[in-house]
C-alpha cells in the first residue's frame, strides 16, 4: 500500500507539472447533490494543486482555492471527514510549533481526497487518517524552506519511515473510542 501511495503522489507531481493551469469557477451553485458531484473532479484538482504548489506561490489564488474547497467540503452532505484529536496529538502537544493552518488544511485535504475517492463501503478510518497525515507530510517536505519543523510532524515522519504509521493511527483511533 505504501508503494501505491508514493506512486500516487509522484503522479500528482508529474500531473501538476504538465497539466493546464488550474482555474477556479467564477461562480458556482451548491444546492443539490448533483451540484456537488459536478465539482468533484475540480475539488480533487484543487487538492492536488494545494499540496504540491509552493506555499509562497499565488497567495490570492491559494486563499480563493481554500475557500472554494472548504465551502464544498462543509456543505456537501455526502462527504464525512473525521478529524481525530488523538491522531493529531503529536502536533497539538508540540509546544515549539505554532500550529500552521497550511499544514492543517493539507491534512484536511488528504482526508477529503480519501473520502471522495472511496465509497462508503470502502471506508477505513485508519486509511482516512493516513491519507491526511501523508498529505501534511508531503506539503511539509515540499516547503521546508518556508515551514519550520515540528516535533509532532517529525513523529509522523519517523513512524512512516519505519512503516509503523498505520499501526500508530489504529491505536490512536482505538484510544479515542475507549
Protein backbone atom coordinates (compact mmCIF):
# COMPACT_ATOMS: atom_id res chain seq x y z
CA UNK A 1 0.00 0.00 0.00
CA UNK A 2 2.87 2.36 0.81
CA UNK A 3 4.21 1.95 -2.73
CA UNK A 4 0.78 2.78 -4.14
CA UNK A 5 0.55 5.98 -2.07
CA UNK A 6 4.07 7.02 -3.09
CA UNK A 7 3.28 6.36 -6.76
CA UNK A 8 0.05 8.34 -6.38
CA UNK A 9 1.97 11.37 -5.11
CA UNK A 10 4.54 11.03 -7.92
CA UNK A 11 1.71 11.06 -10.47
CA UNK A 12 0.23 14.10 -8.73
CA UNK A 13 3.52 15.96 -9.06
CA UNK A 14 4.03 14.96 -12.68
CA UNK A 15 0.43 15.80 -13.47
CA UNK A 16 0.76 19.22 -11.90
CA UNK A 17 3.93 19.93 -13.89
CA UNK A 18 2.40 19.06 -17.28
CA UNK A 19 -1.24 19.96 -16.67
CA UNK A 20 -3.02 23.09 -17.74
CA UNK A 21 -3.14 25.84 -15.11
CA UNK A 22 -5.86 25.30 -12.53
CA UNK A 23 -8.81 27.65 -12.92
CA UNK A 24 -11.41 28.12 -10.21
CA UNK A 25 -15.04 28.70 -11.14
CA UNK A 26 -16.06 32.37 -11.07
CA UNK A 27 -19.39 31.44 -9.58
CA UNK A 28 -20.93 28.17 -8.52
CA UNK A 29 -24.14 26.81 -7.12
CA UNK A 30 -24.06 24.13 -4.42
CA UNK A 31 -27.66 23.30 -3.66
CA UNK A 32 -28.21 19.70 -4.76
CA UNK A 33 -26.03 16.60 -4.63
CA UNK A 34 -25.71 16.86 -8.40
CA UNK A 35 -24.14 20.32 -7.92
CA UNK A 36 -21.56 18.86 -5.53
CA UNK A 37 -20.90 15.90 -7.83
CA UNK A 38 -20.34 18.29 -10.75
CA UNK A 39 -17.38 19.90 -8.93
CA UNK A 40 -15.87 16.70 -7.52
CA UNK A 41 -13.11 16.45 -10.14
CA UNK A 42 -12.34 20.16 -9.73
CA UNK A 43 -12.03 19.65 -5.96
CA UNK A 44 -9.52 16.84 -6.48
CA UNK A 45 -7.55 19.10 -8.85
CA UNK A 46 -7.63 21.85 -6.21
CA UNK A 47 -6.39 19.47 -3.52
CA UNK A 48 -3.58 18.23 -5.76
CA UNK A 49 -2.54 21.79 -6.56
CA UNK A 50 -2.70 22.87 -2.93
CA UNK A 51 -0.39 20.18 -1.57
CA UNK A 52 2.12 20.40 -4.46
CA UNK A 53 2.36 24.16 -5.09
CA UNK A 54 4.92 26.15 -3.10
CA UNK A 55 3.30 27.97 -0.19
CA UNK A 56 4.53 31.33 -1.41
CA UNK A 57 3.04 30.84 -4.90
CA UNK A 58 -0.06 32.82 -5.81
CA UNK A 59 -1.30 33.76 -2.31
CA UNK A 60 -4.60 35.26 -3.51
CA UNK A 61 -5.35 32.24 -5.68
CA UNK A 62 -4.39 29.92 -2.79
CA UNK A 63 -6.87 31.69 -0.48
CA UNK A 64 -9.66 31.56 -3.07
CA UNK A 65 -8.95 27.87 -3.61
CA UNK A 66 -9.14 27.19 0.14
CA UNK A 67 -12.47 29.00 0.33
CA UNK A 68 -13.90 27.04 -2.60
CA UNK A 69 -12.71 23.69 -1.20
CA UNK A 70 -13.92 24.46 2.35
CA UNK A 71 -17.37 25.51 1.17
CA UNK A 72 -17.66 22.39 -0.98
CA UNK A 73 -16.49 20.13 1.86
CA UNK A 74 -18.55 21.63 4.67
CA UNK A 75 -21.79 21.88 2.71
CA UNK A 76 -21.56 18.54 0.88
CA UNK A 77 -23.84 16.06 2.68
CA UNK A 78 -22.10 13.09 1.02
CA UNK A 79 -18.66 13.88 2.47
CA UNK A 80 -17.88 12.95 6.06
CA UNK A 81 -14.43 13.75 7.44
CA UNK A 82 -13.38 12.73 10.93
CA UNK A 83 -10.53 14.80 12.33
CA UNK A 84 -9.37 12.89 15.38
CA UNK A 85 -7.59 14.70 18.22
CA UNK A 86 -5.84 11.51 19.35
CA UNK A 87 -4.31 11.16 15.88
CA UNK A 88 -3.39 14.86 15.89
CA UNK A 89 -1.98 14.69 19.43
CA UNK A 90 1.73 14.83 18.44
CA UNK A 91 1.13 18.12 16.62
CA UNK A 92 -1.31 19.56 19.15
CA UNK A 93 1.10 18.97 22.05
CA UNK A 94 4.17 20.33 20.24
CA UNK A 95 4.94 23.47 22.30
CA UNK A 96 7.71 24.65 19.97
CA UNK A 97 5.47 24.56 16.93
CA UNK A 98 3.00 27.30 16.19
CA UNK A 99 0.12 25.33 14.72
CA UNK A 100 0.31 26.07 11.00
CA UNK A 101 -3.05 26.40 9.25
CA UNK A 102 -1.49 25.39 5.91
CA UNK A 103 -0.45 22.03 7.36
CA UNK A 104 -3.86 21.54 8.99
CA UNK A 105 -5.59 22.33 5.71
CA UNK A 106 -3.34 19.91 3.84
CA UNK A 107 -4.25 17.24 6.45
CA UNK A 108 -7.93 18.01 5.82
CA UNK A 109 -7.33 17.87 2.05
CA UNK A 110 -5.76 14.42 2.28
CA UNK A 111 -8.74 13.12 4.23
CA UNK A 112 -11.16 14.83 1.83
CA UNK A 113 -9.47 13.24 -1.17
CA UNK A 114 -9.72 9.85 0.53
CA UNK A 115 -13.45 10.45 1.16
CA UNK A 116 -14.03 11.46 -2.46
CA UNK A 117 -12.12 8.54 -3.97
CA UNK A 118 -13.55 5.81 -1.72
CA UNK A 119 -17.12 4.63 -1.39
CA UNK A 120 -18.80 4.34 1.98
CA UNK A 121 -18.31 0.55 1.76
CA UNK A 122 -14.57 1.01 1.19
CA UNK A 123 -14.17 3.47 4.07
CA UNK A 124 -11.37 2.66 6.50
CA UNK A 125 -10.76 5.18 9.33
CA UNK A 126 -7.06 4.29 9.51
CA UNK A 127 -6.60 4.93 5.78
CA UNK A 128 -8.55 8.19 6.04
CA UNK A 129 -6.23 9.50 8.78
CA UNK A 130 -3.19 8.07 7.00
CA UNK A 131 -4.12 9.97 3.83
CA UNK A 132 -4.44 13.20 5.82
CA UNK A 133 -1.09 12.78 7.55
CA UNK A 134 0.68 11.86 4.29
CA UNK A 135 -0.75 14.97 2.67
CA UNK A 136 0.55 17.14 5.54
CA UNK A 137 3.97 15.46 5.41
CA UNK A 138 4.08 15.88 1.63
CA UNK A 139 3.36 19.61 1.93
CA UNK A 140 5.91 19.99 4.73
CA UNK A 141 8.63 18.22 2.77
CA UNK A 142 7.95 20.36 -0.31
CA UNK A 143 8.09 23.60 1.69
CA UNK A 144 10.88 23.07 4.20
CA UNK A 145 12.37 26.49 3.48
CA UNK A 146 9.06 28.17 4.37
CA UNK A 147 7.73 25.91 7.11
CA UNK A 148 9.81 25.25 10.14
CA UNK A 149 9.98 21.79 11.65
CA UNK A 150 7.59 20.32 14.14
CA UNK A 151 8.39 17.53 16.56
CA UNK A 152 4.83 16.30 16.03
CA UNK A 153 5.23 16.09 12.26
CA UNK A 154 8.67 14.58 12.73
CA UNK A 155 6.97 11.88 14.84
CA UNK A 156 4.66 11.08 11.92
CA UNK A 157 7.60 11.08 9.50
CA UNK A 158 9.60 8.70 11.69
CA UNK A 159 6.59 6.40 12.03
CA UNK A 160 6.06 6.47 8.26
CA UNK A 161 9.73 5.76 7.58
CA UNK A 162 9.59 2.71 9.87
CA UNK A 163 6.26 1.65 8.32
CA UNK A 164 4.52 1.96 11.70
CA UNK A 165 2.31 4.97 10.98
CA UNK A 166 -0.81 2.94 10.15
CA UNK A 167 -0.43 0.88 13.35
CA UNK A 168 0.05 4.06 15.38
CA UNK A 169 -3.09 5.60 13.82
CA UNK A 170 -5.11 2.45 14.55
CA UNK A 171 -4.00 2.58 18.20
CA UNK A 172 -4.83 6.30 18.45
CA UNK A 173 -8.30 5.71 16.99
CA UNK A 174 -8.85 2.81 19.37
CA UNK A 175 -7.79 5.07 22.28
CA UNK A 176 -10.35 7.70 21.26
CA UNK A 177 -13.14 5.11 21.12
CA UNK A 178 -12.31 3.65 24.52
